[in-house]
PDB file of N, CA and C in Angstrom:
ATOM      1  N   MET A   1     -98.891 162.682  72.714  1.00  0.00           N
ATOM      2  CA  MET A   1    -100.178 162.776  73.746  1.00  0.00           C
ATOM      3  C   MET A   1    -101.604 162.932  72.802  1.00  0.00           C
ATOM      4  N   HIS A   2    -102.273 161.715  72.999  1.00  0.00           N
ATOM      5  CA  HIS A   2    -103.969 161.978  72.594  1.00  0.00           C
ATOM      6  C   HIS A   2    -104.615 163.065  72.955  1.00  0.00           C
ATOM      7  N   ILE A   3    -105.836 163.172  72.244  1.00  0.00           N
ATOM      8  CA  ILE A   3    -106.739 164.439  72.344  1.00  0.00           C
ATOM      9  C   ILE A   3    -107.143 164.606  73.721  1.00  0.00           C
ATOM     10  N   GLY A   4    -107.412 163.105  74.424  1.00  0.00           N
ATOM     11  CA  GLY A   4    -107.990 163.089  75.784  1.00  0.00           C
ATOM     12  C   GLY A   4    -107.230 163.775  77.335  1.00  0.00           C
ATOM     13  N   GLN A   5    -106.008 163.251  76.887  1.00  0.00           N
ATOM     14  CA  GLN A   5    -104.606 163.899  77.637  1.00  0.00           C
ATOM     15  C   GLN A   5    -104.277 165.416  77.375  1.00  0.00           C
ATOM     16  N   ARG A   6    -104.879 165.708  76.333  1.00  0.00           N
ATOM     17  CA  ARG A   6    -104.527 167.414  76.100  1.00  0.00           C
ATOM     18  C   ARG A   6    -105.755 168.222  76.856  1.00  0.00           C
ATOM     19  N   ILE A   7    -107.214 167.298  76.605  1.00  0.00           N
ATOM     20  CA  ILE A   7    -108.033 168.075  77.304  1.00  0.00           C
ATOM     21  C   ILE A   7    -107.925 168.531  78.521  1.00  0.00           C
ATOM     22  N   GLU A   8    -107.455 166.721  79.205  1.00  0.00           N
ATOM     23  CA  GLU A   8    -107.672 166.858  80.641  1.00  0.00           C
ATOM     24  C   GLU A   8    -106.172 167.795  81.445  1.00  0.00           C
ATOM     25  N   SER A   9    -104.932 168.008  80.692  1.00  0.00           N
ATOM     26  CA  SER A   9    -103.869 168.649  81.109  1.00  0.00           C
ATOM     27  C   SER A   9    -104.516 170.363  80.852  1.00  0.00           C
ATOM     28  N   THR A  10    -105.206 170.571  79.723  1.00  0.00           N
ATOM     29  CA  THR A  10    -105.687 171.994  79.826  1.00  0.00           C
ATOM     30  C   THR A  10    -107.112 172.554  80.845  1.00  0.00           C
ATOM     31  N   ARG A  11    -107.549 171.522  81.081  1.00  0.00           N
ATOM     32  CA  ARG A  11    -108.541 171.341  82.456  1.00  0.00           C
ATOM     33  C   ARG A  11    -108.062 171.895  83.809  1.00  0.00           C
ATOM     34  N   GLN A  12    -107.259 170.892  83.877  1.00  0.00           N
ATOM     35  CA  GLN A  12    -106.248 171.377  85.147  1.00  0.00           C
ATOM     36  C   GLN A  12    -105.731 172.188  84.925  1.00  0.00           C
ATOM     37  N   GLU A  13    -104.530 172.636  84.178  1.00  0.00           N
ATOM     38  CA  GLU A  13    -104.186 173.949  83.844  1.00  0.00           C
ATOM     39  C   GLU A  13    -105.145 175.630  84.054  1.00  0.00           C
ATOM     40  N   LEU A  14    -106.223 175.692  83.656  1.00  0.00           N
ATOM     41  CA  LEU A  14    -107.167 176.405  83.558  1.00  0.00           C
ATOM     42  C   LEU A  14    -108.161 176.394  85.199  1.00  0.00           C
ATOM     43  N   GLY A  15    -107.908 175.201  85.634  1.00  0.00           N
ATOM     44  CA  GLY A  15    -108.983 175.333  87.006  1.00  0.00           C
ATOM     45  C   GLY A  15    -110.103 175.011  86.698  1.00  0.00           C
ATOM     46  N   ILE A  16    -110.934 174.398  85.318  1.00  0.00           N
ATOM     47  CA  ILE A  16    -111.777 173.889  85.117  1.00  0.00           C
ATOM     48  C   ILE A  16    -112.643 172.818  85.639  1.00  0.00           C
ATOM     49  N   PRO A  17    -113.746 172.944  86.492  1.00  0.00           N
ATOM     50  CA  PRO A  17    -113.970 171.868  87.412  1.00  0.00           C
ATOM     51  C   PRO A  17    -114.271 170.691  86.096  1.00  0.00           C
ATOM     52  N   ALA A  18    -114.158 169.063  86.352  1.00  0.00           N
ATOM     53  CA  ALA A  18    -114.501 167.969  86.106  1.00  0.00           C
ATOM     54  C   ALA A  18    -115.831 167.763  85.337  1.00  0.00           C
ATOM     55  N   TRP A  19    -116.849 168.413  86.623  1.00  0.00           N
ATOM     56  CA  TRP A  19    -118.611 168.911  85.774  1.00  0.00           C
ATOM     57  C   TRP A  19    -118.373 169.765  84.694  1.00  0.00           C
ATOM     58  N   GLN A  20    -117.692 170.719  84.809  1.00  0.00           N
ATOM     59  CA  GLN A  20    -118.101 171.988  84.136  1.00  0.00           C
ATOM     60  C   GLN A  20    -117.433 171.353  82.429  1.00  0.00           C
ATOM     61  N   MET A  21    -116.331 170.878  82.603  1.00  0.00           N
ATOM     62  CA  MET A  21    -116.068 170.207  81.272  1.00  0.00           C
ATOM     63  C   MET A  21    -117.069 169.208  80.247  1.00  0.00           C
ATOM     64  N   CYS A  22    -117.588 168.045  81.586  1.00  0.00           N
ATOM     65  CA  CYS A  22    -118.401 166.927  80.913  1.00  0.00           C
ATOM     66  C   CYS A  22    -119.782 168.464  80.470  1.00  0.00           C
ATOM     67  N   ASN A  23    -120.064 169.782  80.892  1.00  0.00           N
ATOM     68  CA  ASN A  23    -121.398 170.530  80.431  1.00  0.00           C
ATOM     69  C   ASN A  23    -120.375 170.961  78.635  1.00  0.00           C
ATOM     70  N   ILE A  24    -119.435 171.358  78.978  1.00  0.00           N
ATOM     71  CA  ILE A  24    -119.061 172.052  77.773  1.00  0.00           C
ATOM     72  C   ILE A  24    -118.669 170.919  77.161  1.00  0.00           C
ATOM     73  N   LEU A  25    -118.540 169.574  77.198  1.00  0.00           N
ATOM     74  CA  LEU A  25    -118.273 168.630  75.940  1.00  0.00           C
ATOM     75  C   LEU A  25    -119.468 168.024  75.524  1.00  0.00           C
ATOM     76  N   ALA A  26    -120.664 168.510  76.388  1.00  0.00           N
ATOM     77  CA  ALA A  26    -121.829 167.771  76.093  1.00  0.00           C
ATOM     78  C   ALA A  26    -122.506 166.121  76.644  1.00  0.00           C
ATOM     79  N   LEU A  27    -121.328 165.638  77.428  1.00  0.00           N
ATOM     80  CA  LEU A  27    -121.309 164.362  77.959  1.00  0.00           C
ATOM     81  C   LEU A  27    -122.454 164.139  79.488  1.00  0.00           C
ATOM     82  N   SER A  28    -123.122 163.132  79.188  1.00  0.00           N
ATOM     83  CA  SER A  28    -124.193 163.044  80.184  1.00  0.00           C
ATOM     84  C   SER A  28    -123.608 162.366  81.588  1.00  0.00           C
ATOM     85  N   ASN A  29    -122.254 161.783  81.512  1.00  0.00           N
ATOM     86  CA  ASN A  29    -121.949 161.737  82.842  1.00  0.00           C
ATOM     87  C   ASN A  29    -120.602 161.627  82.760  1.00  0.00           C
ATOM     88  N   ASP A  30    -119.871 161.910  84.171  1.00  0.00           N
ATOM     89  CA  ASP A  30    -118.139 161.599  84.011  1.00  0.00           C
ATOM     90  C   ASP A  30    -117.683 160.221  83.874  1.00  0.00           C
ATOM     91  N   ILE A  31    -118.532 159.450  83.645  1.00  0.00           N
ATOM     92  CA  ILE A  31    -117.756 158.207  83.631  1.00  0.00           C
ATOM     93  C   ILE A  31    -117.087 158.277  81.948  1.00  0.00           C
ATOM     94  N   THR A  32    -118.036 158.723  81.179  1.00  0.00           N
ATOM     95  CA  THR A  32    -118.163 158.871  79.479  1.00  0.00           C
ATOM     96  C   THR A  32    -116.579 160.199  79.503  1.00  0.00           C
ATOM     97  N   TYR A  33    -116.492 161.051  80.470  1.00  0.00           N
ATOM     98  CA  TYR A  33    -115.212 162.071  80.649  1.00  0.00           C
ATOM     99  C   TYR A  33    -113.907 160.897  80.572  1.00  0.00           C
ATOM    100  N   SER A  34    -114.202 160.018  81.680  1.00  0.00           N
ATOM    101  CA  SER A  34    -113.283 159.506  82.231  1.00  0.00           C
ATOM    102  C   SER A  34    -112.507 158.804  80.608  1.00  0.00           C
ATOM    103  N   MET A  35    -113.324 158.214  80.060  1.00  0.00           N
ATOM    104  CA  MET A  35    -113.202 157.617  78.656  1.00  0.00           C
ATOM    105  C   MET A  35    -112.917 158.282  77.814  1.00  0.00           C
ATOM    106  N   ILE A  36    -113.052 159.153  77.914  1.00  0.00           N
ATOM    107  CA  ILE A  36    -112.422 160.212  76.765  1.00  0.00           C
ATOM    108  C   ILE A  36    -111.153 160.500  77.365  1.00  0.00           C
ATOM    109  N   ARG A  37    -110.426 160.598  78.596  1.00  0.00           N
ATOM    110  CA  ARG A  37    -109.322 160.846  78.578  1.00  0.00           C
ATOM    111  C   ARG A  37    -108.463 159.717  78.519  1.00  0.00           C
ATOM    112  N   THR A  38    -108.730 158.674  78.638  1.00  0.00           N
ATOM    113  CA  THR A  38    -108.043 157.703  78.658  1.00  0.00           C
ATOM    114  C   THR A  38    -108.101 157.033  77.197  1.00  0.00           C
ATOM    115  N   GLY A  39    -108.468 157.809  76.173  1.00  0.00           N
ATOM    116  CA  GLY A  39    -108.513 157.637  74.970  1.00  0.00           C
ATOM    117  C   GLY A  39    -109.904 156.440  74.089  1.00  0.00           C
ATOM    118  N   GLN A  40    -110.549 155.893  75.014  1.00  0.00           N
ATOM    119  CA  GLN A  40    -111.602 155.134  74.483  1.00  0.00           C
ATOM    120  C   GLN A  40    -112.499 155.766  74.198  1.00  0.00           C
ATOM    121  N   ILE A  41    -112.780 156.708  73.657  1.00  0.00           N
ATOM    122  CA  ILE A  41    -113.903 157.403  73.038  1.00  0.00           C
ATOM    123  C   ILE A  41    -113.171 158.714  72.786  1.00  0.00           C
ATOM    124  N   GLU A  42    -113.124 158.413  71.380  1.00  0.00           N
ATOM    125  CA  GLU A  42    -112.781 159.636  70.885  1.00  0.00           C
ATOM    126  C   GLU A  42    -114.237 160.832  70.599  1.00  0.00           C
ATOM    127  N   LEU A  43    -113.338 162.301  70.291  1.00  0.00           N
ATOM    128  CA  LEU A  43    -114.463 163.232  70.440  1.00  0.00           C
ATOM    129  C   LEU A  43    -114.882 163.472  69.064  1.00  0.00           C
ATOM    130  N   ASP A  44    -116.261 164.055  68.965  1.00  0.00           N
ATOM    131  CA  ASP A  44    -116.947 164.182  67.620  1.00  0.00           C
ATOM    132  C   ASP A  44    -116.443 165.941  67.125  1.00  0.00           C
ATOM    133  N   LEU A  45    -116.820 166.193  66.048  1.00  0.00           N
ATOM    134  CA  LEU A  45    -116.378 167.620  65.815  1.00  0.00           C
ATOM    135  C   LEU A  45    -116.862 168.690  66.554  1.00  0.00           C
ATOM    136  N   TYR A  46    -118.357 168.375  66.961  1.00  0.00           N
ATOM    137  CA  TYR A  46    -118.867 169.253  67.869  1.00  0.00           C
ATOM    138  C   TYR A  46    -118.169 169.408  69.258  1.00  0.00           C
ATOM    139  N   GLN A  47    -117.903 168.419  69.540  1.00  0.00           N
ATOM    140  CA  GLN A  47    -117.181 168.015  70.869  1.00  0.00           C
ATOM    141  C   GLN A  47    -115.756 168.813  70.876  1.00  0.00           C
ATOM    142  N   LYS A  48    -115.105 168.962  69.873  1.00  0.00           N
ATOM    143  CA  LYS A  48    -113.868 169.864  69.679  1.00  0.00           C
ATOM    144  C   LYS A  48    -113.846 170.763  69.412  1.00  0.00           C
ATOM    145  N   ILE A  49    -114.945 171.712  68.483  1.00  0.00           N
ATOM    146  CA  ILE A  49    -115.351 173.053  68.553  1.00  0.00           C
ATOM    147  C   ILE A  49    -115.259 173.529  69.819  1.00  0.00           C
ATOM    148  N   MET A  50    -116.591 173.251  70.728  1.00  0.00           N
ATOM    149  CA  MET A  50    -116.807 173.624  71.659  1.00  0.00           C
ATOM    150  C   MET A  50    -115.240 174.170  72.706  1.00  0.00           C
ATOM    151  N   PHE A  51    -115.049 172.667  73.145  1.00  0.00           N
ATOM    152  CA  PHE A  51    -113.269 172.871  73.702  1.00  0.00           C
ATOM    153  C   PHE A  51    -112.676 173.825  73.039  1.00  0.00           C
ATOM    154  N   VAL A  52    -112.270 173.895  72.056  1.00  0.00           N
ATOM    155  CA  VAL A  52    -111.268 174.945  71.466  1.00  0.00           C
ATOM    156  C   VAL A  52    -111.909 176.660  71.625  1.00  0.00           C
ATOM    157  N   ILE A  53    -113.727 176.636  71.354  1.00  0.00           N
ATOM    158  CA  ILE A  53    -114.246 177.769  71.851  1.00  0.00           C
ATOM    159  C   ILE A  53    -114.209 178.379  73.319  1.00  0.00           C
ATOM    160  N   ILE A  54    -114.358 176.898  74.235  1.00  0.00           N
ATOM    161  CA  ILE A  54    -114.465 177.657  75.629  1.00  0.00           C
ATOM    162  C   ILE A  54    -112.819 177.862  75.740  1.00  0.00           C
ATOM    163  N   THR A  55    -111.955 177.021  76.006  1.00  0.00           N
ATOM    164  CA  THR A  55    -110.930 177.246  76.642  1.00  0.00           C
ATOM    165  C   THR A  55    -109.780 178.130  75.650  1.00  0.00           C
ATOM    166  N   GLU A  56    -110.057 178.406  74.690  1.00  0.00           N
ATOM    167  CA  GLU A  56    -109.726 179.266  73.727  1.00  0.00           C
ATOM    168  C   GLU A  56    -107.934 178.393  73.500  1.00  0.00           C
ATOM    169  N   ARG A  57    -107.967 177.247  73.268  1.00  0.00           N
ATOM    170  CA  ARG A  57    -106.324 176.570  73.256  1.00  0.00           C
ATOM    171  C   ARG A  57    -106.529 175.937  72.063  1.00  0.00           C
ATOM    172  N   PRO A  58    -105.549 175.043  71.905  1.00  0.00           N
ATOM    173  CA  PRO A  58    -106.045 174.353  70.424  1.00  0.00           C
ATOM    174  C   PRO A  58    -105.862 173.141  71.155  1.00  0.00           C
ATOM    175  N   LEU A  59    -106.067 172.118  70.347  1.00  0.00           N
ATOM    176  CA  LEU A  59    -106.319 170.171  70.229  1.00  0.00           C
ATOM    177  C   LEU A  59    -105.030 170.090  70.064  1.00  0.00           C
ATOM    178  N   GLU A  60    -104.526 170.084  68.966  1.00  0.00           N
ATOM    179  CA  GLU A  60    -103.315 169.860  67.844  1.00  0.00           C
ATOM    180  C   GLU A  60    -102.243 170.776  67.935  1.00  0.00           C
TER     181      GLU A  60
END
């Protein structure tokens, strides 16, 4: 499972709306979020840190 799949799994588990996940990851639109979920785009360090801080869940 790659990071995008883990993020989506955690988002669904915690009930976080997709638009809010875009805000957490500082994304401009949901198309970019879809590309992260499918593994086409990798997260930068800032985005990884923000995800872990907000969800209090590890990525790996």
